[in-house]
Amino acid sequence: QVQLEESGGGLVQAGGSLRLSCTVSGRAFGSYAVGWFRQASGKEREFVGSISWSGSFKTYADSAKGRFTISRDDAKSMANLQMNNLKPEDTAVYLCAHPRAAYTGGSNLAETYAYWGRGTQVTVSS
């Protein structure tokens, strides 16, 4: 059974930083891309960024470029989302996701991801 679990969320002031982690169990972590999404209250889920199975290809939403960095540690079956210069509009539940297919470059489309964590709340105060 594939399980994803996010951690690292919390309350931070605008301009601050947080580092989110996503741990995966139940499948060979190193063979799969990882996606990060977020969902603010009352809004649709939106893509934040993704990292390919090899780690060599990363893509980010425009809102995340220059501020957020995705990395992966295959030995720990973990992906990280480093978020700097946080803004109040970054407030949301952040979720990580695993695609159905192995050896992909990652995607900004939620429907390509088969497995999701429950999310971790990030709140940025002004």
PDB file of N, CA and C in Angstrom:
ATOM      1  N   GLN A   1       0.843  -1.183   0.000  1.00  0.00           N
ATOM      2  CA  GLN A   1       0.000   0.000   0.000  1.00  0.00           C
ATOM      3  C   GLN A   1       0.888   1.246   0.000  1.00  0.00           C
ATOM      4  N   VAL A   2       0.693   2.097  -0.986  1.00  0.00           N
ATOM      5  CA  VAL A   2       1.489   3.315  -1.105  1.00  0.00           C
ATOM      6  C   VAL A   2       0.930   4.377  -0.162  1.00  0.00           C
ATOM      7  N   GLN A   3       1.822   4.969   0.611  1.00  0.00           N
ATOM      8  CA  GLN A   3       1.408   6.012   1.544  1.00  0.00           C
ATOM      9  C   GLN A   3       2.376   7.192   1.445  1.00  0.00           C
ATOM     10  N   LEU A   4       1.824   8.396   1.456  1.00  0.00           N
ATOM     11  CA  LEU A   4       2.615   9.612   1.462  1.00  0.00           C
ATOM     12  C   LEU A   4       2.244  10.425   2.692  1.00  0.00           C
ATOM     13  N   GLU A   5       3.227  11.033   3.291  1.00  0.00           N
ATOM     14  CA  GLU A   5       2.978  11.828   4.477  1.00  0.00           C
ATOM     15  C   GLU A   5       3.814  13.093   4.433  1.00  0.00           C
ATOM     16  N   GLU A   6       3.143  14.226   4.545  1.00  0.00           N
ATOM     17  CA  GLU A   6       3.818  15.515   4.562  1.00  0.00           C
ATOM     18  C   GLU A   6       4.082  15.954   5.996  1.00  0.00           C
ATOM     19  N   SER A   7       5.119  16.749   6.158  1.00  0.00           N
ATOM     20  CA  SER A   7       5.422  17.326   7.458  1.00  0.00           C
ATOM     21  C   SER A   7       6.142  18.656   7.251  1.00  0.00           C
ATOM     22  N   GLY A   8       6.226  19.438   8.321  1.00  0.00           N
ATOM     23  CA  GLY A   8       6.991  20.667   8.273  1.00  0.00           C
ATOM     24  C   GLY A   8       6.181  21.943   8.162  1.00  0.00           C
ATOM     25  N   GLY A   9       4.869  21.814   8.051  1.00  0.00           N
ATOM     26  CA  GLY A   9       4.057  23.010   7.962  1.00  0.00           C
ATOM     27  C   GLY A   9       4.007  23.757   9.283  1.00  0.00           C
ATOM     28  N   GLY A  10       3.420  24.952   9.236  1.00  0.00           N
ATOM     29  CA  GLY A  10       3.296  25.735  10.447  1.00  0.00           C
ATOM     30  C   GLY A  10       2.928  27.172  10.157  1.00  0.00           C
ATOM     31  N   LEU A  11       3.074  28.000  11.178  1.00  0.00           N
ATOM     32  CA  LEU A  11       2.776  29.423  11.079  1.00  0.00           C
ATOM     33  C   LEU A  11       4.083  30.201  10.982  1.00  0.00           C
ATOM     34  N   VAL A  12       4.171  31.064   9.990  1.00  0.00           N
ATOM     35  CA  VAL A  12       5.390  31.850   9.782  1.00  0.00           C
ATOM     36  C   VAL A  12       5.004  33.253   9.347  1.00  0.00           C
ATOM     37  N   GLN A  13       5.841  34.206   9.670  1.00  0.00           N
ATOM     38  CA  GLN A  13       5.584  35.583   9.239  1.00  0.00           C
ATOM     39  C   GLN A  13       5.993  35.763   7.787  1.00  0.00           C
ATOM     40  N   ALA A  14       5.385  36.726   7.149  1.00  0.00           N
ATOM     41  CA  ALA A  14       5.750  37.049   5.773  1.00  0.00           C
ATOM     42  C   ALA A  14       7.250  37.325   5.680  1.00  0.00           C
ATOM     43  N   GLY A  15       7.862  36.776   4.641  1.00  0.00           N
ATOM     44  CA  GLY A  15       9.300  36.897   4.471  1.00  0.00           C
ATOM     45  C   GLY A  15      10.082  35.741   5.066  1.00  0.00           C
ATOM     46  N   GLY A  16       9.423  34.923   5.842  1.00  0.00           N
ATOM     47  CA  GLY A  16      10.075  33.793   6.483  1.00  0.00           C
ATOM     48  C   GLY A  16      10.184  32.581   5.572  1.00  0.00           C
ATOM     49  N   SER A  17      10.687  31.491   6.130  1.00  0.00           N
ATOM     50  CA  SER A  17      10.922  30.268   5.375  1.00  0.00           C
ATOM     51  C   SER A  17      10.355  29.055   6.101  1.00  0.00           C
ATOM     52  N   LEU A  18      10.024  28.063   5.321  1.00  0.00           N
ATOM     53  CA  LEU A  18       9.620  26.758   5.842  1.00  0.00           C
ATOM     54  C   LEU A  18      10.177  25.685   4.915  1.00  0.00           C
ATOM     55  N   ARG A  19      10.412  24.533   5.475  1.00  0.00           N
ATOM     56  CA  ARG A  19      10.870  23.385   4.683  1.00  0.00           C
ATOM     57  C   ARG A  19       9.894  22.238   4.912  1.00  0.00           C
ATOM     58  N   LEU A  20       9.201  21.874   3.876  1.00  0.00           N
ATOM     59  CA  LEU A  20       8.261  20.764   3.950  1.00  0.00           C
ATOM     60  C   LEU A  20       8.934  19.487   3.481  1.00  0.00           C
ATOM     61  N   SER A  21       8.516  18.376   4.064  1.00  0.00           N
ATOM     62  CA  SER A  21       9.028  17.079   3.658  1.00  0.00           C
ATOM     63  C   SER A  21       7.876  16.159   3.301  1.00  0.00           C
ATOM     64  N   CYS A  22       8.160  15.237   2.410  1.00  0.00           N
ATOM     65  CA  CYS A  22       7.189  14.237   1.986  1.00  0.00           C
ATOM     66  C   CYS A  22       7.882  12.886   2.030  1.00  0.00           C
ATOM     67  N   THR A  23       7.419  12.015   2.880  1.00  0.00           N
ATOM     68  CA  THR A  23       7.975  10.672   2.945  1.00  0.00           C
ATOM     69  C   THR A  23       7.009   9.696   2.286  1.00  0.00           C
ATOM     70  N   VAL A  24       7.562   8.735   1.578  1.00  0.00           N
ATOM     71  CA  VAL A  24       6.776   7.794   0.808  1.00  0.00           C
ATOM     72  C   VAL A  24       7.125   6.376   1.226  1.00  0.00           C
ATOM     73  N   SER A  25       6.127   5.563   1.385  1.00  0.00           N
ATOM     74  CA  SER A  25       6.341   4.155   1.689  1.00  0.00           C
ATOM     75  C   SER A  25       5.469   3.313   0.778  1.00  0.00           C
ATOM     76  N   GLY A  26       5.866   2.069   0.603  1.00  0.00           N
ATOM     77  CA  GLY A  26       5.061   1.142  -0.175  1.00  0.00           C
ATOM     78  C   GLY A  26       5.432   1.004  -1.635  1.00  0.00           C
ATOM     79  N   ARG A  27       6.440   1.754  -2.099  1.00  0.00           N
ATOM     80  CA  ARG A  27       6.912   1.587  -3.461  1.00  0.00           C
ATOM     81  C   ARG A  27       8.349   2.103  -3.545  1.00  0.00           C
ATOM     82  N   ALA A  28       9.000   1.799  -4.660  1.00  0.00           N
ATOM     83  CA  ALA A  28      10.391   2.195  -4.854  1.00  0.00           C
ATOM     84  C   ALA A  28      10.461   3.689  -5.134  1.00  0.00           C
ATOM     85  N   PHE A  29      10.726   4.463  -4.120  1.00  0.00           N
ATOM     86  CA  PHE A  29      10.682   5.921  -4.221  1.00  0.00           C
ATOM     87  C   PHE A  29      11.521   6.447  -5.376  1.00  0.00           C
ATOM     88  N   GLY A  30      12.691   5.899  -5.553  1.00  0.00           N
ATOM     89  CA  GLY A  30      13.624   6.422  -6.534  1.00  0.00           C
ATOM     90  C   GLY A  30      13.186   6.273  -7.978  1.00  0.00           C
ATOM     91  N   SER A  31      12.133   5.541  -8.235  1.00  0.00           N
ATOM     92  CA  SER A  31      11.664   5.320  -9.604  1.00  0.00           C
ATOM     93  C   SER A  31      10.561   6.286 -10.023  1.00  0.00           C
ATOM     94  N   TYR A  32      10.168   7.172  -9.128  1.00  0.00           N
ATOM     95  CA  TYR A  32       8.996   8.013  -9.385  1.00  0.00           C
ATOM     96  C   TYR A  32       9.268   9.494  -9.175  1.00  0.00           C
ATOM     97  N   ALA A  33       8.634  10.285 -10.019  1.00  0.00           N
ATOM     98  CA  ALA A  33       8.627  11.732  -9.820  1.00  0.00           C
ATOM     99  C   ALA A  33       7.798  12.071  -8.578  1.00  0.00           C
ATOM    100  N   VAL A  34       7.950  13.276  -8.122  1.00  0.00           N
ATOM    101  CA  VAL A  34       7.149  13.759  -6.991  1.00  0.00           C
ATOM    102  C   VAL A  34       6.572  15.128  -7.355  1.00  0.00           C
ATOM    103  N   GLY A  35       5.311  15.290  -7.059  1.00  0.00           N
ATOM    104  CA  GLY A  35       4.667  16.578  -7.297  1.00  0.00           C
ATOM    105  C   GLY A  35       4.245  17.220  -5.991  1.00  0.00           C
ATOM    106  N   TRP A  36       4.278  18.547  -5.985  1.00  0.00           N
ATOM    107  CA  TRP A  36       3.768  19.310  -4.845  1.00  0.00           C
ATOM    108  C   TRP A  36       2.627  20.197  -5.334  1.00  0.00           C
ATOM    109  N   PHE A  37       1.552  20.192  -4.589  1.00  0.00           N
ATOM    110  CA  PHE A  37       0.380  21.007  -4.883  1.00  0.00           C
ATOM    111  C   PHE A  37      -0.030  21.729  -3.603  1.00  0.00           C
ATOM    112  N   ARG A  38      -0.917  22.686  -3.763  1.00  0.00           N
ATOM    113  CA  ARG A  38      -1.468  23.360  -2.583  1.00  0.00           C
ATOM    114  C   ARG A  38      -2.926  23.709  -2.833  1.00  0.00           C
ATOM    115  N   GLN A  39      -3.641  23.820  -1.745  1.00  0.00           N
ATOM    116  CA  GLN A  39      -5.062  24.168  -1.843  1.00  0.00           C
ATOM    117  C   GLN A  39      -5.407  25.132  -0.726  1.00  0.00           C
ATOM    118  N   ALA A  40      -5.724  26.336  -1.108  1.00  0.00           N
ATOM    119  CA  ALA A  40      -6.160  27.332  -0.144  1.00  0.00           C
ATOM    120  C   ALA A  40      -7.644  27.159   0.132  1.00  0.00           C
ATOM    121  N   SER A  41      -8.079  27.639   1.266  1.00  0.00           N
ATOM    122  CA  SER A  41      -9.482  27.490   1.655  1.00  0.00           C
ATOM    123  C   SER A  41     -10.390  28.127   0.609  1.00  0.00           C
ATOM    124  N   GLY A  42     -11.338  27.354   0.124  1.00  0.00           N
ATOM    125  CA  GLY A  42     -12.299  27.864  -0.846  1.00  0.00           C
ATOM    126  C   GLY A  42     -11.787  27.954  -2.267  1.00  0.00           C
ATOM    127  N   LYS A  43     -10.581  27.456  -2.502  1.00  0.00           N
ATOM    128  CA  LYS A  43     -10.005  27.533  -3.844  1.00  0.00           C
ATOM    129  C   LYS A  43      -9.665  26.153  -4.366  1.00  0.00           C
ATOM    130  N   GLU A  44      -9.421  26.092  -5.667  1.00  0.00           N
ATOM    131  CA  GLU A  44      -9.067  24.818  -6.273  1.00  0.00           C
ATOM    132  C   GLU A  44      -7.606  24.473  -5.975  1.00  0.00           C
ATOM    133  N   ARG A  45      -7.322  23.199  -6.055  1.00  0.00           N
ATOM    134  CA  ARG A  45      -5.951  22.733  -5.882  1.00  0.00           C
ATOM    135  C   ARG A  45      -5.094  23.257  -7.023  1.00  0.00           C
ATOM    136  N   GLU A  46      -3.894  23.727  -6.693  1.00  0.00           N
ATOM    137  CA  GLU A  46      -3.022  24.250  -7.726  1.00  0.00           C
ATOM    138  C   GLU A  46      -1.624  23.653  -7.614  1.00  0.00           C
ATOM    139  N   PHE A  47      -1.000  23.557  -8.745  1.00  0.00           N
ATOM    140  CA  PHE A  47       0.341  22.997  -8.862  1.00  0.00           C
ATOM    141  C   PHE A  47       1.361  23.957  -8.262  1.00  0.00           C
ATOM    142  N   VAL A  48       2.328  23.413  -7.533  1.00  0.00           N
ATOM    143  CA  VAL A  48       3.423  24.214  -6.979  1.00  0.00           C
ATOM    144  C   VAL A  48       4.722  23.887  -7.713  1.00  0.00           C
ATOM    145  N   GLY A  49       5.036  22.607  -7.821  1.00  0.00           N
ATOM    146  CA  GLY A  49       6.253  22.203  -8.506  1.00  0.00           C
ATOM    147  C   GLY A  49       6.377  20.696  -8.532  1.00  0.00           C
ATOM    148  N   SER A  50       7.341  20.206  -9.313  1.00  0.00           N
ATOM    149  CA  SER A  50       7.575  18.772  -9.390  1.00  0.00           C
ATOM    150  C   SER A  50       9.040  18.509  -9.661  1.00  0.00           C
ATOM    151  N   ILE A  51       9.448  17.287  -9.342  1.00  0.00           N
ATOM    152  CA  ILE A  51      10.819  16.866  -9.582  1.00  0.00           C
ATOM    153  C   ILE A  51      10.758  15.496 -10.253  1.00  0.00           C
ATOM    154  N   SER A  52      11.595  15.303 -11.262  1.00  0.00           N
ATOM    155  CA  SER A  52      11.582  14.056 -12.000  1.00  0.00           C
ATOM    156  C   SER A  52      12.113  12.902 -11.164  1.00  0.00           C
ATOM    157  N   TRP A  53      11.930  11.699 -11.662  1.00  0.00           N
ATOM    158  CA  TRP A  53      12.377  10.527 -10.926  1.00  0.00           C
ATOM    159  C   TRP A  53      13.880  10.548 -10.686  1.00  0.00           C
ATOM    160  N   SER A  54      14.629  11.112 -11.631  1.00  0.00           N
ATOM    161  CA  SER A  54      16.089  11.165 -11.505  1.00  0.00           C
ATOM    162  C   SER A  54      16.562  12.379 -10.708  1.00  0.00           C
ATOM    163  N   GLY A  55      15.676  13.330 -10.514  1.00  0.00           N
ATOM    164  CA  GLY A  55      16.069  14.569  -9.839  1.00  0.00           C
ATOM    165  C   GLY A  55      16.673  15.604 -10.742  1.00  0.00           C
ATOM    166  N   SER A  56      16.854  15.273 -12.011  1.00  0.00           N
ATOM    167  CA  SER A  56      17.546  16.178 -12.920  1.00  0.00           C
ATOM    168  C   SER A  56      16.638  17.207 -13.564  1.00  0.00           C
ATOM    169  N   PHE A  57      15.338  17.009 -13.454  1.00  0.00           N
ATOM    170  CA  PHE A  57      14.400  17.943 -14.067  1.00  0.00           C
ATOM    171  C   PHE A  57      13.399  18.417 -13.024  1.00  0.00           C
ATOM    172  N   LYS A  58      13.286  19.722 -12.905  1.00  0.00           N
ATOM    173  CA  LYS A  58      12.350  20.317 -11.961  1.00  0.00           C
ATOM    174  C   LYS A  58      11.520  21.361 -12.689  1.00  0.00           C
ATOM    175  N   THR A  59      10.296  21.475 -12.307  1.00  0.00           N
ATOM    176  CA  THR A  59       9.443  22.507 -12.870  1.00  0.00           C
ATOM    177  C   THR A  59       8.659  23.153 -11.746  1.00  0.00           C
ATOM    178  N   TYR A  60       8.386  24.456 -11.899  1.00  0.00           N
ATOM    179  CA  TYR A  60       7.717  25.226 -10.853  1.00  0.00           C
ATOM    180  C   TYR A  60       6.603  26.065 -11.441  1.00  0.00           C
ATOM    181  N   ALA A  61       5.587  26.290 -10.638  1.00  0.00           N
ATOM    182  CA  ALA A  61       4.569  27.259 -10.999  1.00  0.00           C
ATOM    183  C   ALA A  61       5.203  28.651 -10.971  1.00  0.00           C
ATOM    184  N   ASP A  62       4.641  29.560 -11.723  1.00  0.00           N
ATOM    185  CA  ASP A  62       5.182  30.926 -11.752  1.00  0.00           C
ATOM    186  C   ASP A  62       5.228  31.531 -10.358  1.00  0.00           C
ATOM    187  N   SER A  63       4.231  31.201  -9.543  1.00  0.00           N
ATOM    188  CA  SER A  63       4.165  31.768  -8.192  1.00  0.00           C
ATOM    189  C   SER A  63       5.294  31.264  -7.293  1.00  0.00           C
ATOM    190  N   ALA A  64       5.901  30.139  -7.680  1.00  0.00           N
ATOM    191  CA  ALA A  64       6.943  29.522  -6.862  1.00  0.00           C
ATOM    192  C   ALA A  64       8.364  29.799  -7.368  1.00  0.00           C
ATOM    193  N   LYS A  65       8.482  30.164  -8.604  1.00  0.00           N
ATOM    194  CA  LYS A  65       9.811  30.366  -9.203  1.00  0.00           C
ATOM    195  C   LYS A  65      10.609  31.425  -8.441  1.00  0.00           C
ATOM    196  N   GLY A  66      11.848  31.060  -8.154  1.00  0.00           N
ATOM    197  CA  GLY A  66      12.732  31.987  -7.463  1.00  0.00           C
ATOM    198  C   GLY A  66      12.591  31.987  -5.954  1.00  0.00           C
ATOM    199  N   ARG A  67      11.536  31.364  -5.447  1.00  0.00           N
ATOM    200  CA  ARG A  67      11.324  31.327  -3.995  1.00  0.00           C
ATOM    201  C   ARG A  67      11.307  29.908  -3.437  1.00  0.00           C
ATOM    202  N   PHE A  68      10.797  28.964  -4.215  1.00  0.00           N
ATOM    203  CA  PHE A  68      10.656  27.580  -3.757  1.00  0.00           C
ATOM    204  C   PHE A  68      11.655  26.677  -4.474  1.00  0.00           C
ATOM    205  N   THR A  69      12.152  25.672  -3.762  1.00  0.00           N
ATOM    206  CA  THR A  69      13.080  24.710  -4.350  1.00  0.00           C
ATOM    207  C   THR A  69      12.685  23.310  -3.922  1.00  0.00           C
ATOM    208  N   ILE A  70      12.563  22.427  -4.902  1.00  0.00           N
ATOM    209  CA  ILE A  70      12.249  21.025  -4.628  1.00  0.00           C
ATOM    210  C   ILE A  70      13.524  20.205  -4.719  1.00  0.00           C
ATOM    211  N   SER A  71      13.673  19.271  -3.792  1.00  0.00           N
ATOM    212  CA  SER A  71      14.802  18.344  -3.829  1.00  0.00           C
ATOM    213  C   SER A  71      14.313  16.968  -3.414  1.00  0.00           C
ATOM    214  N   ARG A  72      15.178  15.989  -3.582  1.00  0.00           N
ATOM    215  CA  ARG A  72      14.809  14.634  -3.184  1.00  0.00           C
ATOM    216  C   ARG A  72      16.005  13.917  -2.599  1.00  0.00           C
ATOM    217  N   ASP A  73      15.722  13.022  -1.671  1.00  0.00           N
ATOM    218  CA  ASP A  73      16.738  12.186  -1.045  1.00  0.00           C
ATOM    219  C   ASP A  73      16.237  10.752  -1.155  1.00  0.00           C
ATOM    220  N   ASP A  74      16.686  10.062  -2.184  1.00  0.00           N
ATOM    221  CA  ASP A  74      16.172   8.727  -2.440  1.00  0.00           C
ATOM    222  C   ASP A  74      16.528   7.744  -1.329  1.00  0.00           C
ATOM    223  N   ALA A  75      17.644   7.953  -0.672  1.00  0.00           N
ATOM    224  CA  ALA A  75      18.040   7.051   0.415  1.00  0.00           C
ATOM    225  C   ALA A  75      17.049   7.108   1.564  1.00  0.00           C
ATOM    226  N   LYS A  76      16.393   8.250   1.722  1.00  0.00           N
ATOM    227  CA  LYS A  76      15.414   8.415   2.801  1.00  0.00           C
ATOM    228  C   LYS A  76      13.983   8.323   2.293  1.00  0.00           C
ATOM    229  N   SER A  77      13.808   8.073   0.993  1.00  0.00           N
ATOM    230  CA  SER A  77      12.469   8.037   0.380  1.00  0.00           C
ATOM    231  C   SER A  77      11.719   9.317   0.706  1.00  0.00           C
ATOM    232  N   MET A  78      12.394  10.423   0.495  1.00  0.00           N
ATOM    233  CA  MET A  78      11.863  11.709   0.920  1.00  0.00           C
ATOM    234  C   MET A  78      12.074  12.776  -0.143  1.00  0.00           C
ATOM    235  N   ALA A  79      11.073  13.619  -0.283  1.00  0.00           N
ATOM    236  CA  ALA A  79      11.195  14.813  -1.113  1.00  0.00           C
ATOM    237  C   ALA A  79      10.968  16.026  -0.221  1.00  0.00           C
ATOM    238  N   ASN A  80      11.638  17.118  -0.571  1.00  0.00           N
ATOM    239  CA  ASN A  80      11.532  18.330   0.232  1.00  0.00           C
ATOM    240  C   ASN A  80      11.098  19.512  -0.621  1.00  0.00           C
ATOM    241  N   LEU A  81      10.403  20.423   0.022  1.00  0.00           N
ATOM    242  CA  LEU A  81      10.001  21.673  -0.618  1.00  0.00           C
ATOM    243  C   LEU A  81      10.476  22.805   0.289  1.00  0.00           C
ATOM    244  N   GLN A  82      11.554  23.455  -0.131  1.00  0.00           N
ATOM    245  CA  GLN A  82      12.084  24.590   0.608  1.00  0.00           C
ATOM    246  C   GLN A  82      11.387  25.845   0.119  1.00  0.00           C
ATOM    247  N   MET A  83      10.751  26.555   1.038  1.00  0.00           N
ATOM    248  CA  MET A  83       9.982  27.742   0.676  1.00  0.00           C
ATOM    249  C   MET A  83      10.583  28.952   1.383  1.00  0.00           C
ATOM    250  N   ASN A  84      11.046  29.894   0.601  1.00  0.00           N
ATOM    251  CA  ASN A  84      11.647  31.129   1.132  1.00  0.00           C
ATOM    252  C   ASN A  84      10.803  32.334   0.754  1.00  0.00           C
ATOM    253  N   ASN A  85      11.027  33.414   1.472  1.00  0.00           N
ATOM    254  CA  ASN A  85      10.312  34.668   1.196  1.00  0.00           C
ATOM    255  C   ASN A  85       8.804  34.426   1.079  1.00  0.00           C
ATOM    256  N   LEU A  86       8.270  33.768   2.062  1.00  0.00           N
ATOM    257  CA  LEU A  86       6.854  33.408   2.028  1.00  0.00           C
ATOM    258  C   LEU A  86       5.961  34.637   2.096  1.00  0.00           C
ATOM    259  N   LYS A  87       4.821  34.534   1.434  1.00  0.00           N
ATOM    260  CA  LYS A  87       3.857  35.613   1.363  1.00  0.00           C
ATOM    261  C   LYS A  87       2.516  35.134   1.916  1.00  0.00           C
ATOM    262  N   PRO A  88       1.684  36.044   2.382  1.00  0.00           N
ATOM    263  CA  PRO A  88       0.368  35.620   2.889  1.00  0.00           C
ATOM    264  C   PRO A  88      -0.421  34.807   1.871  1.00  0.00           C
ATOM    265  N   GLU A  89      -0.262  35.086   0.602  1.00  0.00           N
ATOM    266  CA  GLU A  89      -0.993  34.336  -0.427  1.00  0.00           C
ATOM    267  C   GLU A  89      -0.474  32.913  -0.604  1.00  0.00           C
ATOM    268  N   ASP A  90       0.611  32.562   0.069  1.00  0.00           N
ATOM    269  CA  ASP A  90       1.093  31.177   0.054  1.00  0.00           C
ATOM    270  C   ASP A  90       0.362  30.312   1.078  1.00  0.00           C
ATOM    271  N   THR A  91      -0.472  30.925   1.891  1.00  0.00           N
ATOM    272  CA  THR A  91      -1.224  30.178   2.895  1.00  0.00           C
ATOM    273  C   THR A  91      -2.120  29.139   2.222  1.00  0.00           C
ATOM    274  N   ALA A  92      -1.954  27.888   2.641  1.00  0.00           N
ATOM    275  CA  ALA A  92      -2.697  26.791   2.016  1.00  0.00           C
ATOM    276  C   ALA A  92      -2.313  25.480   2.704  1.00  0.00           C
ATOM    277  N   VAL A  93      -3.040  24.446   2.369  1.00  0.00           N
ATOM    278  CA  VAL A  93      -2.623  23.084   2.699  1.00  0.00           C
ATOM    279  C   VAL A  93      -1.743  22.598   1.546  1.00  0.00           C
ATOM    280  N   TYR A  94      -0.559  22.136   1.876  1.00  0.00           N
ATOM    281  CA  TYR A  94       0.398  21.671   0.869  1.00  0.00           C
ATOM    282  C   TYR A  94       0.391  20.138   0.852  1.00  0.00           C
ATOM    283  N   LEU A  95       0.279  19.602  -0.357  1.00  0.00           N
ATOM    284  CA  LEU A  95       0.192  18.154  -0.534  1.00  0.00           C
ATOM    285  C   LEU A  95       1.277  17.671  -1.489  1.00  0.00           C
ATOM    286  N   CYS A  96       1.801  16.496  -1.200  1.00  0.00           N
ATOM    287  CA  CYS A  96       2.708  15.867  -2.158  1.00  0.00           C
ATOM    288  C   CYS A  96       1.978  14.703  -2.821  1.00  0.00           C
ATOM    289  N   ALA A  97       2.458  14.353  -3.991  1.00  0.00           N
ATOM    290  CA  ALA A  97       1.775  13.335  -4.782  1.00  0.00           C
ATOM    291  C   ALA A  97       2.764  12.506  -5.577  1.00  0.00           C
ATOM    292  N   HIS A  98       2.377  11.279  -5.862  1.00  0.00           N
ATOM    293  CA  HIS A  98       3.179  10.330  -6.630  1.00  0.00           C
ATOM    294  C   HIS A  98       2.406   9.907  -7.868  1.00  0.00           C
ATOM    295  N   PRO A  99       3.071   9.874  -9.006  1.00  0.00           N
ATOM    296  CA  PRO A  99       2.366   9.515 -10.234  1.00  0.00           C
ATOM    297  C   PRO A  99       2.101   8.022 -10.329  1.00  0.00           C
ATOM    298  N   ARG A 100       1.223   7.672 -11.227  1.00  0.00           N
ATOM    299  CA  ARG A 100       0.934   6.279 -11.457  1.00  0.00           C
ATOM    300  C   ARG A 100       2.114   5.572 -12.135  1.00  0.00           C
ATOM    301  N   ALA A 101       2.725   6.254 -13.107  1.00  0.00           N
ATOM    302  CA  ALA A 101       3.794   5.650 -13.896  1.00  0.00           C
ATOM    303  C   ALA A 101       5.174   6.002 -13.340  1.00  0.00           C
ATOM    304  N   ALA A 102       6.075   5.049 -13.493  1.00  0.00           N
ATOM    305  CA  ALA A 102       7.459   5.261 -13.079  1.00  0.00           C
ATOM    306  C   ALA A 102       8.251   5.956 -14.183  1.00  0.00           C
ATOM    307  N   TYR A 103       9.389   6.481 -13.798  1.00  0.00           N
ATOM    308  CA  TYR A 103      10.364   7.043 -14.740  1.00  0.00           C
ATOM    309  C   TYR A 103       9.785   8.173 -15.591  1.00  0.00           C
ATOM    310  N   THR A 104       9.071   9.081 -14.940  1.00  0.00           N
ATOM    311  CA  THR A 104       8.541  10.242 -15.636  1.00  0.00           C
ATOM    312  C   THR A 104       9.239  11.506 -15.142  1.00  0.00           C
ATOM    313  N   GLY A 105       9.023  12.573 -15.894  1.00  0.00           N
ATOM    314  CA  GLY A 105       9.682  13.827 -15.552  1.00  0.00           C
ATOM    315  C   GLY A 105       8.916  14.689 -14.572  1.00  0.00           C
ATOM    316  N   GLY A 106       7.709  14.247 -14.208  1.00  0.00           N
ATOM    317  CA  GLY A 106       6.869  15.071 -13.349  1.00  0.00           C
ATOM    318  C   GLY A 106       5.862  15.812 -14.182  1.00  0.00           C
ATOM    319  N   SER A 107       4.798  16.293 -13.553  1.00  0.00           N
ATOM    320  CA  SER A 107       3.723  16.932 -14.296  1.00  0.00           C
ATOM    321  C   SER A 107       3.040  17.977 -13.432  1.00  0.00           C
ATOM    322  N   ASN A 108       2.453  18.969 -14.089  1.00  0.00           N
ATOM    323  CA  ASN A 108       1.670  19.971 -13.371  1.00  0.00           C
ATOM    324  C   ASN A 108       0.184  19.616 -13.360  1.00  0.00           C
ATOM    325  N   LEU A 109      -0.159  18.440 -13.856  1.00  0.00           N
ATOM    326  CA  LEU A 109      -1.560  18.028 -13.923  1.00  0.00           C
ATOM    327  C   LEU A 109      -1.880  17.081 -12.780  1.00  0.00           C
ATOM    328  N   ALA A 110      -2.840  17.468 -11.956  1.00  0.00           N
ATOM    329  CA  ALA A 110      -3.186  16.657 -10.793  1.00  0.00           C
ATOM    330  C   ALA A 110      -3.670  15.269 -11.191  1.00  0.00           C
ATOM    331  N   GLU A 111      -4.303  15.153 -12.341  1.00  0.00           N
ATOM    332  CA  GLU A 111      -4.865  13.857 -12.730  1.00  0.00           C
ATOM    333  C   GLU A 111      -3.808  12.819 -13.088  1.00  0.00           C
ATOM    334  N   THR A 112      -2.559  13.241 -13.238  1.00  0.00           N
ATOM    335  CA  THR A 112      -1.487  12.274 -13.526  1.00  0.00           C
ATOM    336  C   THR A 112      -0.931  11.643 -12.255  1.00  0.00           C
ATOM    337  N   TYR A 113      -1.385  12.120 -11.123  1.00  0.00           N
ATOM    338  CA  TYR A 113      -0.889  11.602  -9.849  1.00  0.00           C
ATOM    339  C   TYR A 113      -1.927  10.666  -9.235  1.00  0.00           C
ATOM    340  N   ALA A 114      -1.470   9.489  -8.842  1.00  0.00           N
ATOM    341  CA  ALA A 114      -2.373   8.455  -8.333  1.00  0.00           C
ATOM    342  C   ALA A 114      -2.433   8.422  -6.815  1.00  0.00           C
ATOM    343  N   TYR A 115      -1.396   8.907  -6.165  1.00  0.00           N
ATOM    344  CA  TYR A 115      -1.315   8.784  -4.712  1.00  0.00           C
ATOM    345  C   TYR A 115      -1.026  10.155  -4.103  1.00  0.00           C
ATOM    346  N   TRP A 116      -1.733  10.446  -3.020  1.00  0.00           N
ATOM    347  CA  TRP A 116      -1.650  11.754  -2.389  1.00  0.00           C
ATOM    348  C   TRP A 116      -1.492  11.614  -0.872  1.00  0.00           C
ATOM    349  N   GLY A 117      -0.752  12.562  -0.307  1.00  0.00           N
ATOM    350  CA  GLY A 117      -0.739  12.663   1.137  1.00  0.00           C
ATOM    351  C   GLY A 117      -1.946  13.450   1.613  1.00  0.00           C
ATOM    352  N   ARG A 118      -2.065  13.583   2.923  1.00  0.00           N
ATOM    353  CA  ARG A 118      -3.198  14.313   3.487  1.00  0.00           C
ATOM    354  C   ARG A 118      -2.934  15.805   3.543  1.00  0.00           C
ATOM    355  N   GLY A 119      -1.671  16.188   3.454  1.00  0.00           N
ATOM    356  CA  GLY A 119      -1.330  17.598   3.430  1.00  0.00           C
ATOM    357  C   GLY A 119      -0.861  18.133   4.771  1.00  0.00           C
ATOM    358  N   THR A 120      -0.168  19.251   4.698  1.00  0.00           N
ATOM    359  CA  THR A 120       0.290  19.952   5.893  1.00  0.00           C
ATOM    360  C   THR A 120      -0.045  21.432   5.727  1.00  0.00           C
ATOM    361  N   GLN A 121      -0.548  22.036   6.783  1.00  0.00           N
ATOM    362  CA  GLN A 121      -1.011  23.418   6.711  1.00  0.00           C
ATOM    363  C   GLN A 121       0.160  24.385   6.813  1.00  0.00           C
ATOM    364  N   VAL A 122       0.186  25.335   5.903  1.00  0.00           N
ATOM    365  CA  VAL A 122       1.142  26.435   5.942  1.00  0.00           C
ATOM    366  C   VAL A 122       0.344  27.726   6.056  1.00  0.00           C
ATOM    367  N   THR A 123       0.633  28.498   7.084  1.00  0.00           N
ATOM    368  CA  THR A 123      -0.046  29.772   7.293  1.00  0.00           C
ATOM    369  C   THR A 123       0.999  30.875   7.376  1.00  0.00           C
ATOM    370  N   VAL A 124       0.845  31.876   6.527  1.00  0.00           N
ATOM    371  CA  VAL A 124       1.792  32.990   6.481  1.00  0.00           C
ATOM    372  C   VAL A 124       1.063  34.246   6.934  1.00  0.00           C
ATOM    373  N   SER A 125       1.530  34.833   8.004  1.00  0.00           N
ATOM    374  CA  SER A 125       0.890  36.035   8.534  1.00  0.00           C
ATOM    375  C   SER A 125       1.573  37.279   7.970  1.00  0.00           C
ATOM    376  N   SER A 126       0.773  38.315   7.833  1.00  0.00           N
ATOM    377  CA  SER A 126       1.310  39.568   7.265  1.00  0.00           C
ATOM    378  C   SER A 126       1.856  40.479   8.342  1.00  0.00           C
TER     379      SER A 126
END
